[in-house]
Protein backbone atom coordinates (compact mmCIF):
# COMPACT_ATOMS: atom_id res chain seq x y z
CA MET A 1 0.15 0.16 -0.15
CA SER A 2 1.44 3.42 -1.01
CA SER A 3 1.75 6.11 1.65
CA LEU A 4 -0.81 9.48 1.47
CA THR A 5 2.62 11.58 0.16
CA ASP A 6 2.54 8.54 -3.06
CA ARG A 7 -1.16 8.88 -3.53
CA TYR A 8 -0.87 12.49 -3.29
CA LEU A 9 2.23 12.99 -6.05
CA ALA A 10 0.15 10.86 -8.09
CA ALA A 11 -2.92 12.68 -8.38
CA THR A 12 -0.59 15.55 -8.65
CA LEU A 13 1.31 14.34 -11.11
CA ARG A 14 -1.47 13.04 -13.55
CA SER A 15 -2.41 16.58 -14.66
CA VAL A 16 1.08 18.09 -15.63
CA PRO A 17 3.33 17.91 -18.47
CA ALA A 18 5.06 14.53 -18.79
CA GLY A 19 8.30 16.45 -19.65
CA ARG A 20 8.33 18.05 -15.88
CA ARG A 21 6.95 14.94 -13.86
CA ALA A 22 9.87 14.11 -12.78
CA GLU A 23 11.38 17.21 -11.48
CA ILE A 24 7.76 18.43 -10.19
CA GLU A 25 8.03 14.73 -8.14
CA THR A 26 11.34 15.71 -6.67
CA GLU A 27 10.65 19.34 -5.89
CA LEU A 28 7.31 18.34 -4.54
CA ARG A 29 7.85 15.55 -2.43
CA GLY A 30 10.91 17.68 -1.20
CA SER A 31 8.79 20.59 0.04
CA ILE A 32 6.11 17.71 1.55
CA GLU A 33 8.82 16.19 3.70
CA ASP A 34 10.53 19.24 4.89
CA MET A 35 6.87 20.72 6.05
CA ILE A 36 6.46 17.01 7.75
CA ASP A 37 10.03 17.52 9.39
CA GLY A 38 8.95 20.83 10.81
CA ARG A 39 5.71 19.61 12.41
CA ARG A 40 7.51 16.65 13.86
CA ALA A 41 10.16 18.97 15.44
CA ASP A 42 7.06 20.68 17.07
CA GLY A 43 6.37 17.34 18.34
CA ARG A 44 3.28 15.99 16.07
CA ASP A 45 3.77 12.16 15.23
CA THR A 46 4.29 11.51 11.51
CA GLU A 47 0.96 10.35 10.47
CA ALA A 48 -0.86 13.49 12.13
CA ALA A 49 1.91 15.57 10.36
CA GLU A 50 1.51 14.09 6.69
CA ARG A 51 -2.16 14.63 7.11
CA GLU A 52 -1.67 18.62 8.04
CA VAL A 53 0.58 19.35 5.42
CA LEU A 54 -1.62 17.76 2.51
CA ASN A 55 -4.48 19.06 3.51
CA GLU A 56 -2.87 22.46 4.04
CA LEU A 57 -1.55 21.83 0.18
CA GLY A 58 -4.91 21.22 -0.99
CA ASP A 59 -6.87 19.45 -4.04
CA PRO A 60 -4.46 18.04 -6.22
CA ALA A 61 -5.90 18.93 -9.49
CA GLN A 62 -5.45 22.83 -8.42
CA LEU A 63 -1.88 22.15 -7.15
CA ALA A 64 -1.31 20.67 -10.68
CA ALA A 65 -2.84 23.31 -12.21
CA ARG A 66 -0.44 25.91 -10.61
CA TYR A 67 2.66 23.79 -11.49
CA ALA A 68 1.49 23.70 -15.35
CA ASP A 69 0.93 27.39 -15.34
CA ARG A 70 -2.57 26.49 -16.38
CA ARG A 71 -5.50 28.52 -15.39
CA LEU A 72 -8.67 27.44 -14.01
CA GLN A 73 -11.00 30.07 -15.13
CA LEU A 74 -13.61 28.59 -17.68
CA ILE A 75 -16.43 29.40 -15.33
CA GLY A 76 -14.08 30.23 -12.63
CA PRO A 77 -11.49 29.19 -10.73
CA ALA A 78 -13.75 28.37 -7.45
CA TYR A 79 -16.43 26.39 -9.90
CA TYR A 80 -14.06 25.01 -12.56
CA LEU A 81 -13.09 21.52 -11.02
CA ALA A 82 -16.70 20.70 -10.17
CA TRP A 83 -17.79 21.74 -13.64
CA GLU A 84 -15.17 19.73 -15.59
CA ARG A 85 -15.80 16.48 -12.93
CA LEU A 86 -19.22 16.85 -13.57
CA MET A 87 -19.00 17.36 -17.66
CA LYS A 88 -16.76 14.29 -17.51
CA LEU A 89 -19.22 12.09 -15.96
CA LEU A 90 -22.39 12.97 -17.92
CA LEU A 91 -20.27 13.01 -21.38
CA SER A 92 -18.43 9.50 -20.56
CA PHE A 93 -21.71 7.42 -21.64
CA ILE A 94 -25.00 9.47 -22.19
CA PRO A 95 -24.25 10.87 -25.49
CA ALA A 96 -23.17 6.97 -26.45
CA LEU A 97 -26.28 5.81 -24.51
CA VAL A 98 -28.52 7.86 -26.71
CA GLY A 99 -26.92 7.40 -30.08
CA VAL A 100 -27.24 3.50 -29.58
CA VAL A 101 -30.93 3.91 -28.57
CA VAL A 102 -31.84 6.27 -31.41
CA GLY A 103 -29.63 3.77 -33.97
CA LEU A 104 -32.06 1.06 -32.58
CA VAL A 105 -35.30 3.06 -32.82
CA GLU A 106 -34.37 4.12 -36.61
CA ALA A 107 -33.52 0.64 -37.50
CA SER A 108 -36.73 -1.05 -36.28
CA ASP A 109 -38.70 1.85 -38.08
CA GLY A 110 -37.46 0.43 -41.52
CA ASN A 111 -34.62 3.48 -41.72
CA GLY A 112 -31.93 0.91 -41.93
CA GLY A 113 -29.27 2.81 -44.06
CA GLY A 114 -29.75 5.74 -42.15
CA ALA A 115 -29.80 3.99 -38.49
CA ILE A 116 -26.01 4.33 -37.82
CA GLY A 117 -25.88 8.11 -39.20
CA GLU A 118 -29.05 9.09 -36.95
CA GLY A 119 -27.60 7.45 -34.22
CA ILE A 120 -24.10 9.15 -34.68
CA SER A 121 -26.01 12.28 -35.40
CA ALA A 122 -27.97 11.91 -32.24
CA ALA A 123 -24.94 11.60 -29.90
CA ILE A 124 -23.27 14.51 -31.29
CA GLN A 125 -26.17 16.74 -30.72
CA THR A 126 -26.72 15.33 -26.99
CA ALA A 127 -23.12 15.99 -26.31
CA VAL A 128 -23.56 19.42 -27.40
CA GLN A 129 -26.58 20.17 -25.33
CA ILE A 130 -24.95 18.76 -22.38
CA ALA A 131 -21.99 20.75 -22.86
CA PHE A 132 -24.16 24.13 -23.36
CA TRP A 133 -26.18 23.80 -20.39
CA VAL A 134 -23.95 22.32 -18.02
CA THR A 135 -21.69 25.24 -18.75
CA LEU A 136 -24.15 27.94 -18.70
CA VAL A 137 -25.83 26.82 -15.70
CA PHE A 138 -22.47 26.98 -13.91
CA ALA A 139 -21.59 30.04 -15.40
CA VAL A 140 -24.51 31.73 -13.83
CA LEU A 141 -24.04 30.27 -10.61
CA GLU A 142 -20.40 31.80 -10.87
CA ARG A 143 -21.75 35.24 -12.05
CA THR A 144 -24.27 35.64 -9.18
CA ASN A 145 -21.81 34.25 -6.54
CA THR A 146 -24.08 31.22 -5.66
CA ALA A 147 -22.63 29.26 -2.95
CA LEU A 148 -22.27 25.62 -3.89
CA HIS A 149 -21.40 24.24 -0.55
CA LEU A 150 -19.47 21.82 -1.87
CA PRO A 151 -17.41 20.01 0.51
CA ALA A 152 -13.82 21.04 1.29
CA TRP A 153 -11.10 18.76 -0.17
CA THR A 154 -9.42 16.61 2.51
CA VAL A 155 -6.60 13.90 2.16
CA ASP A 156 -9.35 11.38 2.64
CA GLN A 157 -10.49 11.76 -1.02
CA LEU A 158 -7.20 10.23 -1.99
CA ARG A 159 -7.72 6.51 -3.09
CA GLU A 160 -5.38 3.94 -1.93
CA ASP A 161 -4.87 2.57 -5.10
CA HIS A 162 -4.62 6.17 -7.14
CA VAL A 163 -1.11 5.57 -7.95
CA ASN A 164 -0.75 4.62 -11.73
CA ARG A 165 -4.73 3.92 -11.77
CA GLN A 166 -5.92 3.67 -15.53
CA ILE A 167 -9.10 2.27 -15.17
CA THR A 168 -11.16 4.70 -13.15
CA PRO A 169 -14.85 4.23 -11.88
CA VAL A 170 -16.42 6.00 -14.37
CA ASP A 171 -14.61 3.60 -16.98
CA THR A 172 -15.77 0.77 -15.35
CA VAL A 173 -19.54 1.84 -14.55
CA ALA A 174 -20.06 3.17 -18.12
CA ALA A 175 -18.61 -0.21 -19.64
CA ILE A 176 -20.50 -2.90 -17.25
CA GLY A 177 -23.74 -0.53 -17.75
CA PHE A 178 -23.52 -0.55 -21.40
CA LEU A 179 -22.66 -4.80 -21.39
CA VAL A 180 -25.93 -4.97 -19.44
CA LEU A 181 -27.75 -2.92 -21.97
CA VAL A 182 -26.85 -5.40 -24.47
CA ILE A 183 -27.64 -8.39 -22.12
CA ALA A 184 -30.93 -7.22 -21.67
CA TYR A 185 -31.90 -6.36 -25.33
CA LEU A 186 -31.12 -9.88 -26.39
CA PRO A 187 -34.02 -11.36 -25.08
CA ILE A 188 -36.17 -8.07 -25.23
CA GLN A 189 -36.19 -8.19 -28.69
CA GLN A 190 -37.59 -11.51 -28.91
CA PHE A 191 -41.09 -9.96 -27.50
CA ARG A 192 -40.59 -6.48 -27.89
CA SER A 193 -38.73 -5.41 -30.60
CA PHE A 194 -40.77 -2.80 -31.91
CA VAL A 195 -40.92 -4.11 -35.52
CA PRO A 196 -44.54 -4.64 -36.40
CA GLY A 197 -45.05 -8.11 -37.93
CA ASP A 198 -47.98 -9.08 -39.97
CA GLY A 199 -50.18 -10.44 -37.25
CA HIS A 200 -50.48 -8.14 -33.80
CA GLY A 201 -47.10 -9.35 -32.55
CA ASN A 202 -43.24 -7.90 -33.03
CA LEU A 203 -40.97 -9.65 -35.38
CA PRO A 204 -37.72 -10.87 -33.43
CA ILE A 205 -34.42 -8.92 -35.50
CA LEU A 206 -32.31 -11.71 -34.78
CA ASP A 207 -32.73 -15.46 -35.69
CA PRO A 208 -35.26 -17.23 -33.01
CA ALA A 209 -33.08 -20.16 -34.25
CA LEU A 210 -29.85 -18.73 -32.36
CA TRP A 211 -31.57 -19.49 -28.99
CA SER A 212 -30.65 -23.41 -29.32
CA PHE A 213 -27.28 -22.02 -28.68
CA TRP A 214 -25.48 -19.03 -29.70
CA LEU A 215 -27.67 -16.21 -28.40
CA PRO A 216 -27.05 -17.60 -24.68
CA PHE A 217 -23.55 -18.51 -25.86
CA LEU A 218 -23.20 -14.97 -26.74
CA ILE A 219 -24.79 -13.88 -23.23
CA ALA A 220 -22.41 -16.08 -21.39
CA VAL A 221 -19.44 -14.55 -22.88
CA LEU A 222 -20.75 -10.80 -22.24
CA VAL A 223 -21.54 -11.78 -18.55
CA ALA A 224 -18.30 -13.02 -18.14
CA THR A 225 -16.67 -9.11 -19.63
CA ILE A 226 -18.46 -8.18 -16.87
CA GLY A 227 -16.47 -9.96 -14.44
CA LEU A 228 -13.70 -8.89 -16.39
CA GLU A 229 -14.40 -4.96 -15.98
CA VAL A 230 -14.62 -6.01 -12.01
CA ALA A 231 -11.27 -7.26 -12.30
CA LYS A 232 -9.70 -4.55 -14.12
CA PHE A 233 -11.31 -2.07 -11.96
CA ARG A 234 -9.95 -4.07 -8.82
CA ALA A 235 -5.82 -4.23 -10.61
CA GLY A 236 -6.60 -0.84 -11.68
CA ARG A 237 -4.90 -1.03 -14.67
CA TRP A 238 -3.90 -3.56 -17.71
CA THR A 239 -2.08 -6.62 -17.06
CA TRP A 240 -0.85 -9.18 -19.27
CA PRO A 241 -3.17 -11.78 -17.93
CA LEU A 242 -6.11 -9.57 -18.18
CA VAL A 243 -5.07 -8.71 -21.72
CA GLY A 244 -5.23 -12.30 -22.64
CA VAL A 245 -8.85 -12.68 -20.76
CA ASN A 246 -9.79 -9.79 -23.14
CA ALA A 247 -8.43 -11.59 -25.83
CA VAL A 248 -10.48 -14.79 -25.59
CA LEU A 249 -13.47 -12.86 -24.63
CA ASP A 250 -13.53 -10.74 -27.56
CA LEU A 251 -12.48 -13.49 -30.09
CA ALA A 252 -15.34 -15.54 -28.70
CA PHE A 253 -18.11 -12.65 -29.20
CA ALA A 254 -16.51 -11.52 -32.76
CA VAL A 255 -16.09 -14.35 -34.43
CA PRO A 256 -19.46 -15.79 -34.18
CA VAL A 257 -20.82 -12.67 -34.54
CA ILE A 258 -18.96 -12.44 -37.85
CA TRP A 259 -19.75 -15.95 -39.05
CA LEU A 260 -23.25 -15.62 -38.53
CA ILE A 261 -23.84 -12.36 -40.36
CA SER A 262 -21.47 -13.66 -43.31
CA THR A 263 -23.65 -16.69 -43.47
CA ASP A 264 -27.19 -14.96 -43.35
CA ARG A 265 -28.10 -16.70 -40.02
CA LEU A 266 -27.80 -13.68 -37.37
CA LEU A 267 -30.79 -11.67 -38.60
CA ASN A 268 -34.35 -13.17 -38.82
CA PRO A 269 -35.23 -14.00 -42.04
CA ASP A 270 -38.57 -12.84 -41.41
CA PHE A 271 -37.17 -9.45 -40.12
CA VAL A 272 -35.28 -9.13 -43.32
CA HIS A 273 -38.20 -9.44 -45.89
CA ARG A 274 -40.00 -6.86 -43.52
CA TRP A 275 -38.28 -4.40 -45.35
CA GLU A 276 -38.10 -4.25 -48.64
CA TRP A 277 -34.72 -2.11 -48.55
CA LEU A 278 -32.91 -4.97 -46.75
CA SER A 279 -34.42 -8.15 -48.63
CA GLN A 280 -32.49 -6.81 -51.66
CA ALA A 281 -29.79 -9.13 -51.84
CA ASP A 282 -26.67 -6.14 -52.39
CA ASN A 283 -28.25 -4.54 -49.48
CA LEU A 284 -28.17 -7.34 -47.37
CA HIS A 285 -24.75 -8.10 -48.27
CA ASN A 286 -23.98 -4.52 -47.76
CA VAL A 287 -24.62 -4.63 -44.03
CA ALA A 288 -23.49 -7.77 -43.53
CA THR A 289 -20.32 -6.58 -44.71
CA PHE A 290 -20.20 -3.29 -42.37
CA VAL A 291 -21.68 -5.45 -39.40
CA ALA A 292 -18.41 -8.21 -40.21
CA VAL A 293 -15.94 -5.29 -40.86
CA GLY A 294 -17.10 -3.03 -38.06
CA THR A 295 -16.86 -5.99 -35.60
CA ALA A 296 -13.51 -7.28 -36.71
CA LEU A 297 -11.97 -3.68 -36.37
CA ILE A 298 -13.25 -2.66 -32.86
CA THR A 299 -12.22 -6.42 -31.59
CA ALA A 300 -8.52 -5.39 -33.34
CA TRP A 301 -8.63 -2.25 -31.59
CA ASP A 302 -9.80 -3.35 -28.06
CA ILE A 303 -6.86 -6.13 -28.23
CA ILE A 304 -4.13 -4.19 -29.78
CA ASP A 305 -5.23 -0.90 -26.77
CA SER A 306 -5.10 -3.37 -23.95
CA ALA A 307 -1.73 -4.62 -24.83
CA ILE A 308 -0.39 -1.47 -25.12
CA LYS A 309 -1.27 -0.42 -21.99
CA ALA A 310 -0.10 -3.19 -20.13
CA TYR A 311 3.56 -2.61 -22.02
CA ARG A 312 3.18 0.80 -20.71
CA ASN A 313 2.93 -0.32 -17.43
CA ARG A 314 5.91 -2.86 -17.65
CA HIS A 315 8.23 -0.19 -19.13
């Protein structure tokens, strides 16, 4: 377990230029040690002196901004960090979630060719709206001198595993939330796909025959991926064993999807025939090619990205 000072330094150095980190770490560590020694000379024990010094230095993000000569003034110094953290949280998952939902709705309405474009457009518009309204609210609060009554920063807010952490709580929550939505949608689309059939029911988007093996298999892979996300968060960073498990799970999901879509076994035949555009052989082939290539590229990128991060951790 790292000391409070190590965790404080790690939280500060993340936001300063990489070329100056070694210099700043040496300077800041020396200053902290000197301040602690001064308090120990007054009779305080080491642990109490360390906590007092770090509390006095304040929020690591503010200290990093001073070292980097970066002004926290888009909104105002008193409100900037709260604005920045809220923006990062909201933008980390809401635009993507809206884009996926809009894309699925457009596809179910028969706009198969424009579903992806509509989803991307909706995600971008959502991100712009979030950025505008959150910024406006904080600007009004800052101009009117409204007190936010936010708790003062203390050393207790430093996480024990803050040092070199690559996987943040926001990343983990967003990833698990997306996986849960996908897992839930697979059975839901069997009964409520919002694609009307010839009768009163809905047409499943995926071939119902896949429930004999492939859909339960893919759901099991997604559940295992949730377990991987939890393991990544506990480790705090990518390790080579996690990279290996991630590659296996990625391939276990991607290979069946690519094979099924390439052999016209993924989509429900009744769903395909429901739409004139999709039932045309060339269009169906184009959709299958897009899904297969997109799945392959996303899988390759995820595996390569995890390997790069693990390599950087070791070097």
